[in-house]
């Protein structure tokens, strides 16, 4: 498979914390789950992949990437204008951007709310709006930090369906999550971080059935502390 992101020799320090990722690839059409206890470096890794942090060593190469934090910011504008905002930043004329945004809002189940203020959306609707805004600018890779952490099961499944669709369309998806059931439903591969180190990287079924590192096994059994 062709990589959309490649990491080589990545090192980042913040205070006493040090993140090291010797090698990592994200492929076209792949959903890669990043697992690990709180404080293991998941968010830091996503921000490095997105170019929001600069590594002290190593490099990240690949196409255009879009990062969604756990609580995506929304503009105090309509749902439609929020969806179109990324296109405006890329120089797309207003009328064309709004037309494209309206079509995608229908796909994500928000077409009926296009004209209402975005701040009136529920948490699940806000995440779907942020995904729509991101998908419209056609990133090669989506980087998501706990996108369904505060959502109910129905909205979680809707967001997961959008991520699966993004992968089928050829994008790479990197998902940091604590939800092990979500990983089983979505991911093709798993990267497991512990204290800033890549402890294990494996296809999702192998990671579950026969983890190679005892810390991975302890994490799956709920016994691993930060």
Protein backbone atom coordinates (compact mmCIF):
# COMPACT_ATOMS: atom_id res chain seq x y z
CA UNK A 1 0.00 0.00 0.00
CA UNK A 2 1.16 3.54 -0.74
CA UNK A 3 1.91 5.67 2.33
CA UNK A 4 0.21 9.04 2.76
CA UNK A 5 2.39 9.79 5.80
CA UNK A 6 5.91 8.68 6.68
CA UNK A 7 7.74 9.27 9.96
CA UNK A 8 11.47 8.76 10.38
CA UNK A 9 13.48 9.19 13.57
CA UNK A 10 10.97 11.46 15.30
CA UNK A 11 11.99 12.88 18.68
CA UNK A 12 10.11 15.52 20.66
CA UNK A 13 10.77 16.74 24.21
CA UNK A 14 8.51 18.75 26.48
CA UNK A 15 9.90 19.23 29.97
CA UNK A 16 10.73 15.77 31.29
CA UNK A 17 8.59 14.03 28.67
CA UNK A 18 10.26 12.58 25.58
CA UNK A 19 8.40 11.06 22.62
CA UNK A 20 10.33 8.81 20.25
CA UNK A 21 8.89 7.31 17.06
CA UNK A 22 11.68 5.67 15.05
CA UNK A 23 9.50 4.74 12.08
CA UNK A 24 5.82 4.92 11.19
CA UNK A 25 3.76 4.86 8.00
CA UNK A 26 0.10 5.56 7.36
CA UNK A 27 -1.26 4.10 4.15
CA UNK A 28 -3.94 5.02 1.66
CA UNK A 29 -7.32 3.76 2.84
CA UNK A 30 -6.05 2.74 6.25
CA UNK A 31 -7.38 3.52 9.72
CA UNK A 32 -4.53 3.49 12.23
CA UNK A 33 -5.45 3.53 15.92
CA UNK A 34 -3.06 5.10 18.43
CA UNK A 35 -3.52 3.53 21.86
CA UNK A 36 -1.90 4.10 25.22
CA UNK A 37 -2.60 5.24 28.78
CA UNK A 38 -3.15 8.93 29.51
CA UNK A 39 0.13 10.81 29.20
CA UNK A 40 1.69 8.29 26.84
CA UNK A 41 2.07 10.81 24.00
CA UNK A 42 -0.95 10.20 21.77
CA UNK A 43 -1.97 13.85 21.37
CA UNK A 44 1.65 14.95 20.99
CA UNK A 45 2.12 12.43 18.19
CA UNK A 46 -0.99 13.66 16.37
CA UNK A 47 0.13 17.28 16.65
CA UNK A 48 3.56 16.36 15.29
CA UNK A 49 1.98 14.52 12.38
CA UNK A 50 -0.20 17.56 11.70
CA UNK A 51 2.76 19.94 11.73
CA UNK A 52 1.42 21.83 14.75
CA UNK A 53 4.54 20.89 16.72
CA UNK A 54 8.09 20.78 15.41
CA UNK A 55 10.23 17.75 16.27
CA UNK A 56 13.71 18.16 17.68
CA UNK A 57 14.87 15.34 15.47
CA UNK A 58 13.49 13.43 12.52
CA UNK A 59 10.83 14.31 9.99
CA UNK A 60 7.25 13.78 8.90
CA UNK A 61 6.60 13.56 5.16
CA UNK A 62 3.37 13.26 3.23
CA UNK A 63 0.44 15.06 1.73
CA UNK A 64 -1.93 17.62 3.19
CA UNK A 65 -3.09 16.67 6.70
CA UNK A 66 -6.08 17.86 8.74
CA UNK A 67 -6.17 17.68 12.53
CA UNK A 68 -9.33 17.54 14.64
CA UNK A 69 -8.88 18.08 18.38
CA UNK A 70 -11.19 16.43 20.88
CA UNK A 71 -13.43 19.53 20.96
CA UNK A 72 -13.31 21.06 17.46
CA UNK A 73 -13.72 24.85 17.44
CA UNK A 74 -16.78 26.24 15.66
CA UNK A 75 -17.31 29.74 14.34
CA UNK A 76 -20.25 31.79 15.60
CA UNK A 77 -21.88 31.47 12.21
CA UNK A 78 -24.36 29.14 10.59
CA UNK A 79 -23.72 25.45 10.17
CA UNK A 80 -23.37 25.98 6.41
CA UNK A 81 -20.85 28.81 6.79
CA UNK A 82 -18.83 26.72 9.24
CA UNK A 83 -18.71 23.86 6.76
CA UNK A 84 -17.61 26.16 3.93
CA UNK A 85 -14.97 28.00 5.96
CA UNK A 86 -12.04 25.77 5.00
CA UNK A 87 -12.85 26.18 1.32
CA UNK A 88 -12.85 29.96 1.70
CA UNK A 89 -9.41 29.77 3.28
CA UNK A 90 -8.27 27.84 0.21
CA UNK A 91 -9.53 30.58 -2.09
CA UNK A 92 -12.73 28.92 -3.32
CA UNK A 93 -15.35 31.57 -4.25
CA UNK A 94 -18.15 31.98 -1.72
CA UNK A 95 -21.06 30.73 -3.84
CA UNK A 96 -19.19 27.63 -5.00
CA UNK A 97 -17.94 26.90 -1.47
CA UNK A 98 -21.44 27.13 -0.02
CA UNK A 99 -22.83 24.84 -2.72
CA UNK A 100 -20.16 22.19 -2.03
CA UNK A 101 -20.66 22.53 1.71
CA UNK A 102 -24.44 22.09 1.39
CA UNK A 103 -23.96 18.81 -0.48
CA UNK A 104 -21.61 17.42 2.14
CA UNK A 105 -23.87 18.48 5.00
CA UNK A 106 -26.56 16.30 3.45
CA UNK A 107 -24.11 13.38 3.45
CA UNK A 108 -23.32 13.81 7.14
CA UNK A 109 -26.97 14.20 8.14
CA UNK A 110 -26.92 17.95 8.83
CA UNK A 111 -28.62 19.27 5.72
CA UNK A 112 -31.77 20.26 7.61
CA UNK A 113 -29.71 22.34 10.05
CA UNK A 114 -27.58 24.19 7.49
CA UNK A 115 -29.07 27.62 8.25
CA UNK A 116 -29.15 27.41 12.04
CA UNK A 117 -26.34 28.78 14.28
CA UNK A 118 -23.61 26.21 14.74
CA UNK A 119 -23.44 26.75 18.50
CA UNK A 120 -26.93 25.22 18.84
CA UNK A 121 -25.73 21.83 17.61
CA UNK A 122 -25.40 18.87 19.95
CA UNK A 123 -21.96 17.47 20.67
CA UNK A 124 -22.34 14.70 18.10
CA UNK A 125 -23.63 17.09 15.47
CA UNK A 126 -20.72 19.46 16.14
CA UNK A 127 -18.21 16.66 15.55
CA UNK A 128 -19.93 15.71 12.30
CA UNK A 129 -19.86 19.36 11.21
CA UNK A 130 -16.14 19.57 11.97
CA UNK A 131 -15.57 16.39 9.95
CA UNK A 132 -17.57 17.81 7.04
CA UNK A 133 -15.52 21.01 7.11
CA UNK A 134 -12.33 18.94 7.12
CA UNK A 135 -13.36 16.53 4.37
CA UNK A 136 -14.29 19.39 2.06
CA UNK A 137 -10.65 20.50 1.81
CA UNK A 138 -9.71 16.94 0.72
CA UNK A 139 -6.82 16.10 3.04
CA UNK A 140 -4.62 13.12 2.30
CA UNK A 141 -4.78 12.19 5.98
CA UNK A 142 -7.22 12.81 8.83
CA UNK A 143 -5.75 13.05 12.34
CA UNK A 144 -8.34 12.78 15.10
CA UNK A 145 -7.93 13.05 18.86
CA UNK A 146 -10.68 11.22 20.75
CA UNK A 147 -13.43 12.41 18.36
CA UNK A 148 -16.21 10.43 20.04
CA UNK A 149 -15.08 10.66 23.69
CA UNK A 150 -18.16 12.59 24.87
CA UNK A 151 -20.73 11.26 22.40
CA UNK A 152 -23.65 8.91 22.90
CA UNK A 153 -23.61 5.53 21.11
CA UNK A 154 -25.81 6.69 18.21
CA UNK A 155 -23.62 9.69 17.38
CA UNK A 156 -20.48 7.61 17.90
CA UNK A 157 -21.62 5.18 15.20
CA UNK A 158 -22.43 8.06 12.82
CA UNK A 159 -18.95 9.54 13.26
CA UNK A 160 -17.34 6.12 12.84
CA UNK A 161 -19.26 5.62 9.58
CA UNK A 162 -17.85 8.91 8.27
CA UNK A 163 -14.31 7.82 9.14
CA UNK A 164 -14.80 4.50 7.38
CA UNK A 165 -16.13 6.32 4.34
CA UNK A 166 -13.10 8.65 4.37
CA UNK A 167 -10.80 5.63 4.38
CA UNK A 168 -12.71 3.98 1.52
CA UNK A 169 -12.24 7.18 -0.47
CA UNK A 170 -8.47 6.73 -0.15
CA UNK A 171 -7.55 8.87 2.83
CA UNK A 172 -5.34 7.77 5.67
CA UNK A 173 -7.02 8.07 9.07
CA UNK A 174 -5.09 8.25 12.36
CA UNK A 175 -7.31 7.94 15.41
CA UNK A 176 -6.17 8.41 19.01
CA UNK A 177 -8.70 6.80 21.33
CA UNK A 178 -9.22 5.07 24.67
CA UNK A 179 -12.20 3.10 23.31
CA UNK A 180 -10.97 -0.44 22.70
CA UNK A 181 -14.30 -1.51 21.20
CA UNK A 182 -14.01 1.34 18.72
CA UNK A 183 -10.56 0.14 17.73
CA UNK A 184 -11.92 -3.35 17.07
CA UNK A 185 -14.71 -1.91 14.91
CA UNK A 186 -12.62 0.52 12.88
CA UNK A 187 -8.88 0.02 12.86
CA UNK A 188 -6.68 -1.91 10.47
CA UNK A 189 -3.52 -1.43 12.55
CA UNK A 190 -2.62 -0.38 16.08
CA UNK A 191 0.30 1.63 17.43
CA UNK A 192 0.65 1.28 21.20
CA UNK A 193 2.48 4.03 23.09
CA UNK A 194 3.72 3.89 26.65
CA UNK A 195 5.67 6.71 28.32
CA UNK A 196 6.54 8.23 24.95
CA UNK A 197 7.82 5.01 23.39
CA UNK A 198 6.34 2.88 20.60
CA UNK A 199 5.94 -0.39 22.47
CA UNK A 200 4.15 -2.30 19.72
CA UNK A 201 2.80 -1.86 16.19
CA UNK A 202 0.66 -4.61 14.69
CA UNK A 203 -2.47 -5.45 12.68
CA UNK A 204 -5.46 -5.04 14.95
CA UNK A 205 -6.38 -8.75 15.13
CA UNK A 206 -2.83 -9.79 16.03
CA UNK A 207 -2.57 -7.05 18.64
CA UNK A 208 -5.70 -8.37 20.35
CA UNK A 209 -5.06 -12.08 20.01
CA UNK A 210 -1.32 -12.25 20.67
CA UNK A 211 0.33 -8.99 21.77
CA UNK A 212 4.10 -9.31 21.69
CA UNK A 213 4.93 -7.03 24.63
CA UNK A 214 3.74 -7.69 28.20
CA UNK A 215 2.84 -4.00 28.56
CA UNK A 216 0.42 -4.36 25.63
CA UNK A 217 -1.18 -7.35 27.33
CA UNK A 218 -1.42 -5.46 30.60
CA UNK A 219 -3.08 -2.52 28.84
CA UNK A 220 -5.67 -4.74 27.17
CA UNK A 221 -6.44 -6.30 30.56
CA UNK A 222 -6.77 -2.88 32.22
CA UNK A 223 -3.69 -3.38 34.41
CA UNK A 224 -1.30 -0.81 32.92
CA UNK A 225 -0.99 2.54 34.67
CA UNK A 226 0.66 5.68 33.23
